[in-house]
Structure formats: structure tokens, C-alpha cells
PDB file of N, CA and C in Angstrom:
ATOM      1  N   UNK A   1     150.003  64.788  88.488  1.00  0.00           N
ATOM      2  CA  UNK A   1     149.295  65.592  87.523  1.00  0.00           C
ATOM      3  C   UNK A   1     148.299  64.749  86.729  1.00  0.00           C
ATOM      4  N   UNK A   2     148.687  63.497  86.387  1.00  0.00           N
ATOM      5  CA  UNK A   2     147.787  62.626  85.646  1.00  0.00           C
ATOM      6  C   UNK A   2     146.511  62.352  86.435  1.00  0.00           C
ATOM      7  N   UNK A   3     146.668  62.152  87.736  1.00  0.00           N
ATOM      8  CA  UNK A   3     145.499  61.885  88.577  1.00  0.00           C
ATOM      9  C   UNK A   3     144.562  63.084  88.619  1.00  0.00           C
ATOM     10  N   UNK A   4     145.127  64.285  88.702  1.00  0.00           N
ATOM     11  CA  UNK A   4     144.313  65.495  88.713  1.00  0.00           C
ATOM     12  C   UNK A   4     143.540  65.633  87.403  1.00  0.00           C
ATOM     13  N   UNK A   5     144.188  65.353  86.288  1.00  0.00           N
ATOM     14  CA  UNK A   5     143.528  65.420  84.980  1.00  0.00           C
ATOM     15  C   UNK A   5     142.383  64.412  84.918  1.00  0.00           C
ATOM     16  N   UNK A   6     142.629  63.211  85.401  1.00  0.00           N
ATOM     17  CA  UNK A   6     141.586  62.185  85.405  1.00  0.00           C
ATOM     18  C   UNK A   6     140.409  62.602  86.280  1.00  0.00           C
ATOM     19  N   UNK A   7     140.693  63.207  87.409  1.00  0.00           N
ATOM     20  CA  UNK A   7     139.637  63.661  88.321  1.00  0.00           C
ATOM     21  C   UNK A   7     138.815  64.762  87.668  1.00  0.00           C
ATOM     22  N   UNK A   8     139.491  65.706  87.022  1.00  0.00           N
ATOM     23  CA  UNK A   8     138.786  66.798  86.354  1.00  0.00           C
ATOM     24  C   UNK A   8     137.910  66.252  85.229  1.00  0.00           C
ATOM     25  N   UNK A   9     138.454  65.361  84.407  1.00  0.00           N
ATOM     26  CA  UNK A   9     137.685  64.774  83.303  1.00  0.00           C
ATOM     27  C   UNK A   9     136.493  63.995  83.840  1.00  0.00           C
ATOM     28  N   UNK A  10     136.702  63.227  84.887  1.00  0.00           N
ATOM     29  CA  UNK A  10     135.608  62.462  85.484  1.00  0.00           C
ATOM     30  C   UNK A  10     134.530  63.393  86.031  1.00  0.00           C
ATOM     31  N   UNK A  11     134.946  64.487  86.663  1.00  0.00           N
ATOM     32  CA  UNK A  11     133.982  65.450  87.197  1.00  0.00           C
ATOM     33  C   UNK A  11     133.154  66.101  86.103  1.00  0.00           C
ATOM     34  N   UNK A  12     133.807  66.480  85.009  1.00  0.00           N
ATOM     35  CA  UNK A  12     133.096  67.087  83.879  1.00  0.00           C
ATOM     36  C   UNK A  12     132.128  66.076  83.276  1.00  0.00           C
ATOM     37  N   UNK A  13     132.580  64.848  83.093  1.00  0.00           N
ATOM     38  CA  UNK A  13     131.715  63.808  82.526  1.00  0.00           C
ATOM     39  C   UNK A  13     130.519  63.548  83.432  1.00  0.00           C
ATOM     40  N   UNK A  14     130.736  63.506  84.733  1.00  0.00           N
ATOM     41  CA  UNK A  14     129.645  63.283  85.673  1.00  0.00           C
ATOM     42  C   UNK A  14     128.643  64.426  85.624  1.00  0.00           C
ATOM     43  N   UNK A  15     129.130  65.654  85.603  1.00  0.00           N
ATOM     44  CA  UNK A  15     128.239  66.822  85.555  1.00  0.00           C
ATOM     45  C   UNK A  15     127.431  66.825  84.268  1.00  0.00           C
ATOM     46  N   UNK A  16     128.065  66.482  83.151  1.00  0.00           N
ATOM     47  CA  UNK A  16     127.371  66.424  81.869  1.00  0.00           C
ATOM     48  C   UNK A  16     126.292  65.341  81.897  1.00  0.00           C
ATOM     49  N   UNK A  17     126.634  64.175  82.395  1.00  0.00           N
ATOM     50  CA  UNK A  17     125.671  63.068  82.465  1.00  0.00           C
ATOM     51  C   UNK A  17     124.506  63.411  83.387  1.00  0.00           C
ATOM     52  N   UNK A  18     124.782  64.062  84.491  1.00  0.00           N
ATOM     53  CA  UNK A  18     123.712  64.438  85.417  1.00  0.00           C
ATOM     54  C   UNK A  18     122.765  65.431  84.761  1.00  0.00           C
ATOM     55  N   UNK A  19     123.305  66.362  84.017  1.00  0.00           N
ATOM     56  CA  UNK A  19     122.470  67.342  83.322  1.00  0.00           C
ATOM     57  C   UNK A  19     121.634  66.703  82.237  1.00  0.00           C
ATOM     58  N   UNK A  20     122.189  65.740  81.544  1.00  0.00           N
ATOM     59  CA  UNK A  20     121.478  65.061  80.461  1.00  0.00           C
ATOM     60  C   UNK A  20     120.385  64.143  80.991  1.00  0.00           C
ATOM     61  N   UNK A  21     120.544  63.641  82.195  1.00  0.00           N
ATOM     62  CA  UNK A  21     119.593  62.664  82.706  1.00  0.00           C
ATOM     63  C   UNK A  21     118.301  63.296  83.220  1.00  0.00           C
ATOM     64  N   UNK A  22     118.272  64.617  83.358  1.00  0.00           N
ATOM     65  CA  UNK A  22     117.060  65.261  83.843  1.00  0.00           C
ATOM     66  C   UNK A  22     116.047  65.365  82.718  1.00  0.00           C
ATOM     67  N   UNK A  23     115.004  64.620  82.835  1.00  0.00           N
ATOM     68  CA  UNK A  23     113.903  64.721  81.883  1.00  0.00           C
ATOM     69  C   UNK A  23     112.753  65.418  82.598  1.00  0.00           C
ATOM     70  N   UNK A  24     112.075  66.251  81.860  1.00  0.00           N
ATOM     71  CA  UNK A  24     110.939  66.954  82.460  1.00  0.00           C
ATOM     72  C   UNK A  24     109.856  65.948  82.833  1.00  0.00           C
ATOM     73  N   UNK A  25     109.146  66.253  83.889  1.00  0.00           N
ATOM     74  CA  UNK A  25     108.031  65.405  84.285  1.00  0.00           C
ATOM     75  C   UNK A  25     106.847  65.671  83.366  1.00  0.00           C
ATOM     76  N   UNK A  26     105.877  64.785  83.387  1.00  0.00           N
ATOM     77  CA  UNK A  26     104.670  64.977  82.587  1.00  0.00           C
ATOM     78  C   UNK A  26     103.974  66.274  82.984  1.00  0.00           C
ATOM     79  N   UNK A  27     103.965  66.589  84.274  1.00  0.00           N
ATOM     80  CA  UNK A  27     103.331  67.834  84.729  1.00  0.00           C
ATOM     81  C   UNK A  27     104.043  69.053  84.151  1.00  0.00           C
ATOM     82  N   UNK A  28     105.377  69.004  84.089  1.00  0.00           N
ATOM     83  CA  UNK A  28     106.131  70.113  83.501  1.00  0.00           C
ATOM     84  C   UNK A  28     105.857  70.219  82.001  1.00  0.00           C
ATOM     85  N   UNK A  29     105.813  69.077  81.325  1.00  0.00           N
ATOM     86  CA  UNK A  29     105.524  69.083  79.891  1.00  0.00           C
ATOM     87  C   UNK A  29     104.109  69.589  79.635  1.00  0.00           C
ATOM     88  N   UNK A  30     103.167  69.179  80.470  1.00  0.00           N
ATOM     89  CA  UNK A  30     101.790  69.665  80.343  1.00  0.00           C
ATOM     90  C   UNK A  30     101.765  71.192  80.474  1.00  0.00           C
ATOM     91  N   UNK A  31     102.422  71.685  81.502  1.00  0.00           N
ATOM     92  CA  UNK A  31     102.436  73.130  81.739  1.00  0.00           C
ATOM     93  C   UNK A  31     103.086  73.879  80.570  1.00  0.00           C
ATOM     94  N   UNK A  32     104.172  73.331  80.044  1.00  0.00           N
ATOM     95  CA  UNK A  32     104.920  74.005  78.985  1.00  0.00           C
ATOM     96  C   UNK A  32     104.260  73.916  77.616  1.00  0.00           C
ATOM     97  N   UNK A  33     103.563  72.833  77.326  1.00  0.00           N
ATOM     98  CA  UNK A  33     103.068  72.623  75.969  1.00  0.00           C
ATOM     99  C   UNK A  33     101.552  72.515  75.841  1.00  0.00           C
ATOM    100  N   UNK A  34     100.868  72.198  76.902  1.00  0.00           N
ATOM    101  CA  UNK A  34      99.450  71.867  76.786  1.00  0.00           C
ATOM    102  C   UNK A  34      98.518  72.862  77.486  1.00  0.00           C
ATOM    103  N   UNK A  35      98.969  73.401  78.587  1.00  0.00           N
ATOM    104  CA  UNK A  35      98.098  74.207  79.442  1.00  0.00           C
ATOM    105  C   UNK A  35      97.573  75.473  78.776  1.00  0.00           C
ATOM    106  N   UNK A  36      98.276  75.999  77.796  1.00  0.00           N
ATOM    107  CA  UNK A  36      97.801  77.235  77.162  1.00  0.00           C
ATOM    108  C   UNK A  36      96.456  77.034  76.470  1.00  0.00           C
ATOM    109  N   UNK A  37      96.173  75.840  76.010  1.00  0.00           N
ATOM    110  CA  UNK A  37      94.864  75.532  75.402  1.00  0.00           C
ATOM    111  C   UNK A  37      93.993  74.697  76.343  1.00  0.00           C
ATOM    112  N   UNK A  38      94.581  73.649  76.916  1.00  0.00           N
ATOM    113  CA  UNK A  38      93.822  72.698  77.722  1.00  0.00           C
ATOM    114  C   UNK A  38      93.624  73.155  79.165  1.00  0.00           C
ATOM    115  N   UNK A  39      94.343  74.193  79.569  1.00  0.00           N
ATOM    116  CA  UNK A  39      94.244  74.677  80.936  1.00  0.00           C
ATOM    117  C   UNK A  39      95.114  73.871  81.871  1.00  0.00           C
ATOM    118  N   UNK A  40      95.573  74.504  82.919  1.00  0.00           N
ATOM    119  CA  UNK A  40      96.405  73.800  83.899  1.00  0.00           C
ATOM    120  C   UNK A  40      95.657  72.628  84.523  1.00  0.00           C
ATOM    121  N   UNK A  41      94.340  72.799  84.684  1.00  0.00           N
ATOM    122  CA  UNK A  41      93.522  71.765  85.316  1.00  0.00           C
ATOM    123  C   UNK A  41      92.854  70.828  84.316  1.00  0.00           C
ATOM    124  N   UNK A  42      93.055  71.054  83.002  1.00  0.00           N
ATOM    125  CA  UNK A  42      92.470  70.197  81.980  1.00  0.00           C
ATOM    126  C   UNK A  42      91.055  70.559  81.574  1.00  0.00           C
ATOM    127  N   UNK A  43      90.526  71.643  82.119  1.00  0.00           N
ATOM    128  CA  UNK A  43      89.135  72.020  81.843  1.00  0.00           C
ATOM    129  C   UNK A  43      88.983  72.863  80.577  1.00  0.00           C
ATOM    130  N   UNK A  44      90.093  73.272  79.971  1.00  0.00           N
ATOM    131  CA  UNK A  44      90.104  74.033  78.713  1.00  0.00           C
ATOM    132  C   UNK A  44      89.414  75.383  78.830  1.00  0.00           C
ATOM    133  N   UNK A  45      89.432  75.972  80.001  1.00  0.00           N
ATOM    134  CA  UNK A  45      88.805  77.278  80.208  1.00  0.00           C
ATOM    135  C   UNK A  45      89.809  78.410  79.995  1.00  0.00           C
ATOM    136  N   UNK A  46      90.628  78.260  78.967  1.00  0.00           N
ATOM    137  CA  UNK A  46      91.577  79.294  78.584  1.00  0.00           C
ATOM    138  C   UNK A  46      91.017  80.033  77.378  1.00  0.00           C
ATOM    139  N   UNK A  47      91.607  81.152  77.057  1.00  0.00           N
ATOM    140  CA  UNK A  47      91.159  81.916  75.893  1.00  0.00           C
ATOM    141  C   UNK A  47      91.240  81.047  74.627  1.00  0.00           C
ATOM    142  N   UNK A  48      92.379  80.395  74.429  1.00  0.00           N
ATOM    143  CA  UNK A  48      92.542  79.531  73.260  1.00  0.00           C
ATOM    144  C   UNK A  48      91.647  78.293  73.342  1.00  0.00           C
ATOM    145  N   UNK A  49      91.551  77.719  74.533  1.00  0.00           N
ATOM    146  CA  UNK A  49      90.719  76.537  74.713  1.00  0.00           C
ATOM    147  C   UNK A  49      89.263  76.800  74.346  1.00  0.00           C
ATOM    148  N   UNK A  50      88.767  77.944  74.774  1.00  0.00           N
ATOM    149  CA  UNK A  50      87.384  78.310  74.449  1.00  0.00           C
ATOM    150  C   UNK A  50      87.229  78.580  72.956  1.00  0.00           C
ATOM    151  N   UNK A  51      88.185  79.294  72.383  1.00  0.00           N
ATOM    152  CA  UNK A  51      88.126  79.628  70.960  1.00  0.00           C
ATOM    153  C   UNK A  51      88.140  78.368  70.095  1.00  0.00           C
ATOM    154  N   UNK A  52      88.983  77.413  70.469  1.00  0.00           N
ATOM    155  CA  UNK A  52      89.115  76.179  69.696  1.00  0.00           C
ATOM    156  C   UNK A  52      88.124  75.096  70.116  1.00  0.00           C
ATOM    157  N   UNK A  53      87.309  75.403  71.123  1.00  0.00           N
ATOM    158  CA  UNK A  53      86.330  74.450  71.653  1.00  0.00           C
ATOM    159  C   UNK A  53      86.985  73.126  72.067  1.00  0.00           C
ATOM    160  N   UNK A  54      88.061  73.290  72.838  1.00  0.00           N
ATOM    161  CA  UNK A  54      88.794  72.137  73.360  1.00  0.00           C
ATOM    162  C   UNK A  54      87.943  71.464  74.429  1.00  0.00           C
ATOM    163  N   UNK A  55      87.980  70.156  74.453  1.00  0.00           N
ATOM    164  CA  UNK A  55      87.150  69.402  75.397  1.00  0.00           C
ATOM    165  C   UNK A  55      87.734  69.421  76.811  1.00  0.00           C
ATOM    166  N   UNK A  56      86.847  69.309  77.770  1.00  0.00           N
ATOM    167  CA  UNK A  56      87.192  69.302  79.187  1.00  0.00           C
ATOM    168  C   UNK A  56      87.628  67.890  79.578  1.00  0.00           C
ATOM    169  N   UNK A  57      88.917  67.729  79.831  1.00  0.00           N
ATOM    170  CA  UNK A  57      89.471  66.413  80.158  1.00  0.00           C
ATOM    171  C   UNK A  57      89.137  65.948  81.566  1.00  0.00           C
ATOM    172  N   UNK A  58      88.484  66.776  82.350  1.00  0.00           N
ATOM    173  CA  UNK A  58      88.122  66.347  83.704  1.00  0.00           C
ATOM    174  C   UNK A  58      86.772  65.638  83.718  1.00  0.00           C
ATOM    175  N   UNK A  59      86.063  65.651  82.601  1.00  0.00           N
ATOM    176  CA  UNK A  59      84.749  64.997  82.534  1.00  0.00           C
ATOM    177  C   UNK A  59      84.894  63.513  82.247  1.00  0.00           C
ATOM    178  N   UNK A  60      84.217  62.708  83.033  1.00  0.00           N
ATOM    179  CA  UNK A  60      84.299  61.256  82.870  1.00  0.00           C
ATOM    180  C   UNK A  60      83.859  60.823  81.477  1.00  0.00           C
ATOM    181  N   UNK A  61      82.838  61.451  80.927  1.00  0.00           N
ATOM    182  CA  UNK A  61      82.345  61.086  79.594  1.00  0.00           C
ATOM    183  C   UNK A  61      83.401  61.349  78.521  1.00  0.00           C
ATOM    184  N   UNK A  62      84.102  62.456  78.636  1.00  0.00           N
ATOM    185  CA  UNK A  62      85.163  62.777  77.677  1.00  0.00           C
ATOM    186  C   UNK A  62      86.304  61.776  77.825  1.00  0.00           C
ATOM    187  N   UNK A  63      86.676  61.486  79.044  1.00  0.00           N
ATOM    188  CA  UNK A  63      87.745  60.519  79.291  1.00  0.00           C
ATOM    189  C   UNK A  63      87.377  59.140  78.730  1.00  0.00           C
ATOM    190  N   UNK A  64      86.117  58.754  78.868  1.00  0.00           N
ATOM    191  CA  UNK A  64      85.675  57.442  78.395  1.00  0.00           C
ATOM    192  C   UNK A  64      85.764  57.337  76.875  1.00  0.00           C
ATOM    193  N   UNK A  65      85.544  58.446  76.179  1.00  0.00           N
ATOM    194  CA  UNK A  65      85.598  58.444  74.713  1.00  0.00           C
ATOM    195  C   UNK A  65      87.025  58.364  74.187  1.00  0.00           C
ATOM    196  N   UNK A  66      87.978  58.849  74.964  1.00  0.00           N
ATOM    197  CA  UNK A  66      89.363  58.915  74.499  1.00  0.00           C
ATOM    198  C   UNK A  66      90.065  57.576  74.693  1.00  0.00           C
ATOM    199  N   UNK A  67      90.782  57.152  73.670  1.00  0.00           N
ATOM    200  CA  UNK A  67      91.576  55.921  73.727  1.00  0.00           C
ATOM    201  C   UNK A  67      93.043  56.310  73.873  1.00  0.00           C
ATOM    202  N   UNK A  68      93.756  55.557  74.692  1.00  0.00           N
ATOM    203  CA  UNK A  68      95.155  55.887  74.963  1.00  0.00           C
ATOM    204  C   UNK A  68      95.986  55.974  73.683  1.00  0.00           C
ATOM    205  N   UNK A  69      95.810  55.016  72.773  1.00  0.00           N
ATOM    206  CA  UNK A  69      96.611  55.030  71.552  1.00  0.00           C
ATOM    207  C   UNK A  69      96.285  56.237  70.671  1.00  0.00           C
ATOM    208  N   UNK A  70      95.038  56.680  70.684  1.00  0.00           N
ATOM    209  CA  UNK A  70      94.659  57.865  69.919  1.00  0.00           C
ATOM    210  C   UNK A  70      95.242  59.132  70.543  1.00  0.00           C
ATOM    211  N   UNK A  71      95.250  59.187  71.877  1.00  0.00           N
ATOM    212  CA  UNK A  71      95.853  60.337  72.550  1.00  0.00           C
ATOM    213  C   UNK A  71      97.352  60.390  72.269  1.00  0.00           C
ATOM    214  N   UNK A  72      98.009  59.240  72.328  1.00  0.00           N
ATOM    215  CA  UNK A  72      99.439  59.164  72.065  1.00  0.00           C
ATOM    216  C   UNK A  72      99.740  59.654  70.648  1.00  0.00           C
ATOM    217  N   UNK A  73      98.950  59.212  69.690  1.00  0.00           N
ATOM    218  CA  UNK A  73      99.130  59.642  68.299  1.00  0.00           C
ATOM    219  C   UNK A  73      98.922  61.149  68.170  1.00  0.00           C
ATOM    220  N   UNK A  74      97.904  61.683  68.828  1.00  0.00           N
ATOM    221  CA  UNK A  74      97.643  63.125  68.764  1.00  0.00           C
ATOM    222  C   UNK A  74      98.796  63.922  69.373  1.00  0.00           C
ATOM    223  N   UNK A  75      99.329  63.452  70.480  1.00  0.00           N
ATOM    224  CA  UNK A  75     100.442  64.151  71.119  1.00  0.00           C
ATOM    225  C   UNK A  75     101.668  64.152  70.212  1.00  0.00           C
ATOM    226  N   UNK A  76     101.955  63.022  69.616  1.00  0.00           N
ATOM    227  CA  UNK A  76     103.157  62.917  68.793  1.00  0.00           C
ATOM    228  C   UNK A  76     102.981  63.496  67.395  1.00  0.00           C
ATOM    229  N   UNK A  77     101.846  63.209  66.745  1.00  0.00           N
ATOM    230  CA  UNK A  77     101.657  63.587  65.338  1.00  0.00           C
ATOM    231  C   UNK A  77     100.756  64.794  65.132  1.00  0.00           C
ATOM    232  N   UNK A  78     100.090  65.221  66.174  1.00  0.00           N
ATOM    233  CA  UNK A  78      99.150  66.331  66.057  1.00  0.00           C
ATOM    234  C   UNK A  78      97.727  65.814  65.912  1.00  0.00           C
ATOM    235  N   UNK A  79      96.783  66.725  66.019  1.00  0.00           N
ATOM    236  CA  UNK A  79      95.366  66.364  65.905  1.00  0.00           C
ATOM    237  C   UNK A  79      94.772  67.151  64.747  1.00  0.00           C
ATOM    238  N   UNK A  80      94.120  66.433  63.847  1.00  0.00           N
ATOM    239  CA  UNK A  80      93.521  67.034  62.668  1.00  0.00           C
ATOM    240  C   UNK A  80      92.021  66.768  62.666  1.00  0.00           C
ATOM    241  N   UNK A  81      91.271  67.768  62.248  1.00  0.00           N
ATOM    242  CA  UNK A  81      89.820  67.638  62.141  1.00  0.00           C
ATOM    243  C   UNK A  81      89.407  68.246  60.808  1.00  0.00           C
ATOM    244  N   UNK A  82      88.686  67.468  60.000  1.00  0.00           N
ATOM    245  CA  UNK A  82      88.280  67.919  58.663  1.00  0.00           C
ATOM    246  C   UNK A  82      89.474  68.403  57.847  1.00  0.00           C
ATOM    247  N   UNK A  83      90.598  67.688  57.970  1.00  0.00           N
ATOM    248  CA  UNK A  83      91.790  68.017  57.213  1.00  0.00           C
ATOM    249  C   UNK A  83      92.590  69.194  57.728  1.00  0.00           C
ATOM    250  N   UNK A  84      92.129  69.828  58.800  1.00  0.00           N
ATOM    251  CA  UNK A  84      92.837  70.983  59.359  1.00  0.00           C
ATOM    252  C   UNK A  84      93.531  70.595  60.662  1.00  0.00           C
ATOM    253  N   UNK A  85      94.733  71.098  60.801  1.00  0.00           N
ATOM    254  CA  UNK A  85      95.475  70.848  62.036  1.00  0.00           C
ATOM    255  C   UNK A  85      94.871  71.668  63.167  1.00  0.00           C
ATOM    256  N   UNK A  86      94.435  70.968  64.212  1.00  0.00           N
ATOM    257  CA  UNK A  86      93.881  71.657  65.389  1.00  0.00           C
ATOM    258  C   UNK A  86      94.888  71.690  66.532  1.00  0.00           C
ATOM    259  N   UNK A  87      95.840  70.754  66.491  1.00  0.00           N
ATOM    260  CA  UNK A  87      96.892  70.722  67.504  1.00  0.00           C
ATOM    261  C   UNK A  87      98.167  70.230  66.834  1.00  0.00           C
ATOM    262  N   UNK A  88      99.238  70.926  67.068  1.00  0.00           N
ATOM    263  CA  UNK A  88     100.507  70.502  66.476  1.00  0.00           C
ATOM    264  C   UNK A  88     101.030  69.254  67.188  1.00  0.00           C
ATOM    265  N   UNK A  89     101.823  68.497  66.476  1.00  0.00           N
ATOM    266  CA  UNK A  89     102.445  67.315  67.050  1.00  0.00           C
ATOM    267  C   UNK A  89     103.731  67.667  67.780  1.00  0.00           C
ATOM    268  N   UNK A  90     104.100  66.837  68.730  1.00  0.00           N
ATOM    269  CA  UNK A  90     105.270  67.091  69.552  1.00  0.00           C
ATOM    270  C   UNK A  90     106.329  65.997  69.427  1.00  0.00           C
ATOM    271  N   UNK A  91     106.319  65.241  68.316  1.00  0.00           N
ATOM    272  CA  UNK A  91     107.279  64.143  68.180  1.00  0.00           C
ATOM    273  C   UNK A  91     108.722  64.626  68.121  1.00  0.00           C
ATOM    274  N   UNK A  92     108.923  65.880  67.729  1.00  0.00           N
ATOM    275  CA  UNK A  92     110.282  66.422  67.705  1.00  0.00           C
ATOM    276  C   UNK A  92     110.715  66.939  69.074  1.00  0.00           C
ATOM    277  N   UNK A  93     109.767  67.051  69.991  1.00  0.00           N
ATOM    278  CA  UNK A  93     110.072  67.589  71.315  1.00  0.00           C
ATOM    279  C   UNK A  93     110.009  66.543  72.419  1.00  0.00           C
ATOM    280  N   UNK A  94     109.143  65.551  72.250  1.00  0.00           N
ATOM    281  CA  UNK A  94     108.956  64.543  73.290  1.00  0.00           C
ATOM    282  C   UNK A  94     109.231  63.151  72.763  1.00  0.00           C
ATOM    283  N   UNK A  95     109.842  62.346  73.599  1.00  0.00           N
ATOM    284  CA  UNK A  95     110.034  60.939  73.266  1.00  0.00           C
ATOM    285  C   UNK A  95     108.685  60.233  73.377  1.00  0.00           C
ATOM    286  N   UNK A  96     108.626  59.027  72.896  1.00  0.00           N
ATOM    287  CA  UNK A  96     107.383  58.263  73.009  1.00  0.00           C
ATOM    288  C   UNK A  96     107.029  58.045  74.481  1.00  0.00           C
ATOM    289  N   UNK A  97     108.045  57.814  75.315  1.00  0.00           N
ATOM    290  CA  UNK A  97     107.776  57.618  76.743  1.00  0.00           C
ATOM    291  C   UNK A  97     107.227  58.879  77.385  1.00  0.00           C
ATOM    292  N   UNK A  98     107.765  60.036  77.022  1.00  0.00           N
ATOM    293  CA  UNK A  98     107.250  61.293  77.563  1.00  0.00           C
ATOM    294  C   UNK A  98     105.800  61.514  77.123  1.00  0.00           C
ATOM    295  N   UNK A  99     105.493  61.141  75.878  1.00  0.00           N
ATOM    296  CA  UNK A  99     104.115  61.259  75.392  1.00  0.00           C
ATOM    297  C   UNK A  99     103.201  60.296  76.146  1.00  0.00           C
ATOM    298  N   UNK A 100     103.669  59.090  76.412  1.00  0.00           N
ATOM    299  CA  UNK A 100     102.881  58.129  77.196  1.00  0.00           C
ATOM    300  C   UNK A 100     102.653  58.662  78.609  1.00  0.00           C
ATOM    301  N   UNK A 101     103.664  59.316  79.163  1.00  0.00           N
ATOM    302  CA  UNK A 101     103.523  59.913  80.495  1.00  0.00           C
ATOM    303  C   UNK A 101     102.466  61.023  80.476  1.00  0.00           C
ATOM    304  N   UNK A 102     102.383  61.762  79.368  1.00  0.00           N
ATOM    305  CA  UNK A 102     101.338  62.784  79.241  1.00  0.00           C
ATOM    306  C   UNK A 102      99.954  62.140  79.188  1.00  0.00           C
ATOM    307  N   UNK A 103      99.836  61.011  78.503  1.00  0.00           N
ATOM    308  CA  UNK A 103      98.554  60.298  78.473  1.00  0.00           C
ATOM    309  C   UNK A 103      98.150  59.913  79.887  1.00  0.00           C
ATOM    310  N   UNK A 104      99.089  59.386  80.644  1.00  0.00           N
ATOM    311  CA  UNK A 104      98.817  59.027  82.039  1.00  0.00           C
ATOM    312  C   UNK A 104      98.413  60.261  82.840  1.00  0.00           C
ATOM    313  N   UNK A 105      99.100  61.368  82.613  1.00  0.00           N
ATOM    314  CA  UNK A 105      98.779  62.621  83.299  1.00  0.00           C
ATOM    315  C   UNK A 105      97.343  63.046  82.977  1.00  0.00           C
ATOM    316  N   UNK A 106      96.974  62.976  81.708  1.00  0.00           N
ATOM    317  CA  UNK A 106      95.611  63.358  81.287  1.00  0.00           C
ATOM    318  C   UNK A 106      94.587  62.461  81.975  1.00  0.00           C
ATOM    319  N   UNK A 107      94.870  61.197  82.068  1.00  0.00           N
ATOM    320  CA  UNK A 107      93.945  60.256  82.725  1.00  0.00           C
ATOM    321  C   UNK A 107      93.729  60.629  84.190  1.00  0.00           C
ATOM    322  N   UNK A 108      94.706  61.239  84.804  1.00  0.00           N
ATOM    323  CA  UNK A 108      94.615  61.604  86.215  1.00  0.00           C
ATOM    324  C   UNK A 108      93.873  62.910  86.435  1.00  0.00           C
ATOM    325  N   UNK A 109      93.500  63.596  85.356  1.00  0.00           N
ATOM    326  CA  UNK A 109      92.757  64.854  85.493  1.00  0.00           C
ATOM    327  C   UNK A 109      91.300  64.619  85.870  1.00  0.00           C
ATOM    328  N   UNK A 110      90.825  63.426  85.570  1.00  0.00           N
ATOM    329  CA  UNK A 110      89.434  63.089  85.886  1.00  0.00           C
ATOM    330  C   UNK A 110      89.299  62.951  87.402  1.00  0.00           C
ATOM    331  N   UNK A 111      88.315  63.643  87.992  1.00  0.00           N
ATOM    332  CA  UNK A 111      88.144  63.560  89.458  1.00  0.00           C
ATOM    333  C   UNK A 111      87.682  62.187  89.923  1.00  0.00           C
TER     334      UNK A 111
END
């Protein structure tokens, strides 16, 4: 009986650990949090993207202007322009590594 209990506990612990270890990919995070404004392809041709005049991340000139550390800060802390919040921060939802992965994802949008 002790062995069966140990096996059951080990199985539950393994299942819990496996579930906890799944982190969303940058593409999934982009789709869930960014695409509604920035577009799935990064071109910002969404209703919100057009309204907010979000920049097209597929343009080389736009990519050249953006600095990785500034993008990371915007993802985590939000983006403000003239004292107004234009994009909410995601520090409560994403780890720093997940935010860095989003920066890498954005860099890959450029053709």
C-alpha cells in the first residue's frame, strides 16, 4: 500500500510540474496580447491599430528606430506619449524573459 501511495503522489507531482512548465511561446503571447492592435503580421492594419496610429513593425525604417531595451520597457511598463498611456504594460502577465522573447519576435516581423 505504501508503494501505491508513493506512486500516486509521484504521478500527481509529475503532472503538476508538467503543467507548470508549459510557457506560452512568443507567437502565442503576441497573438493573445499584441495582435489586436499591432496585427497578426505586425502591420497594425487592425481597427485599433489604425485608430491609435500604431506603427508598422514590418518596415525596416521603423525597426531601425526601435531599440531593444526601449521595446522591453514598453512591453513590461507600458508605452506613454505626452503623459498618456498608449499601451498598457504586461509586467504582471509576462516574465522578463517572455518580454525579451516578444522583442525577438517583433524583430523577426521585418521581411
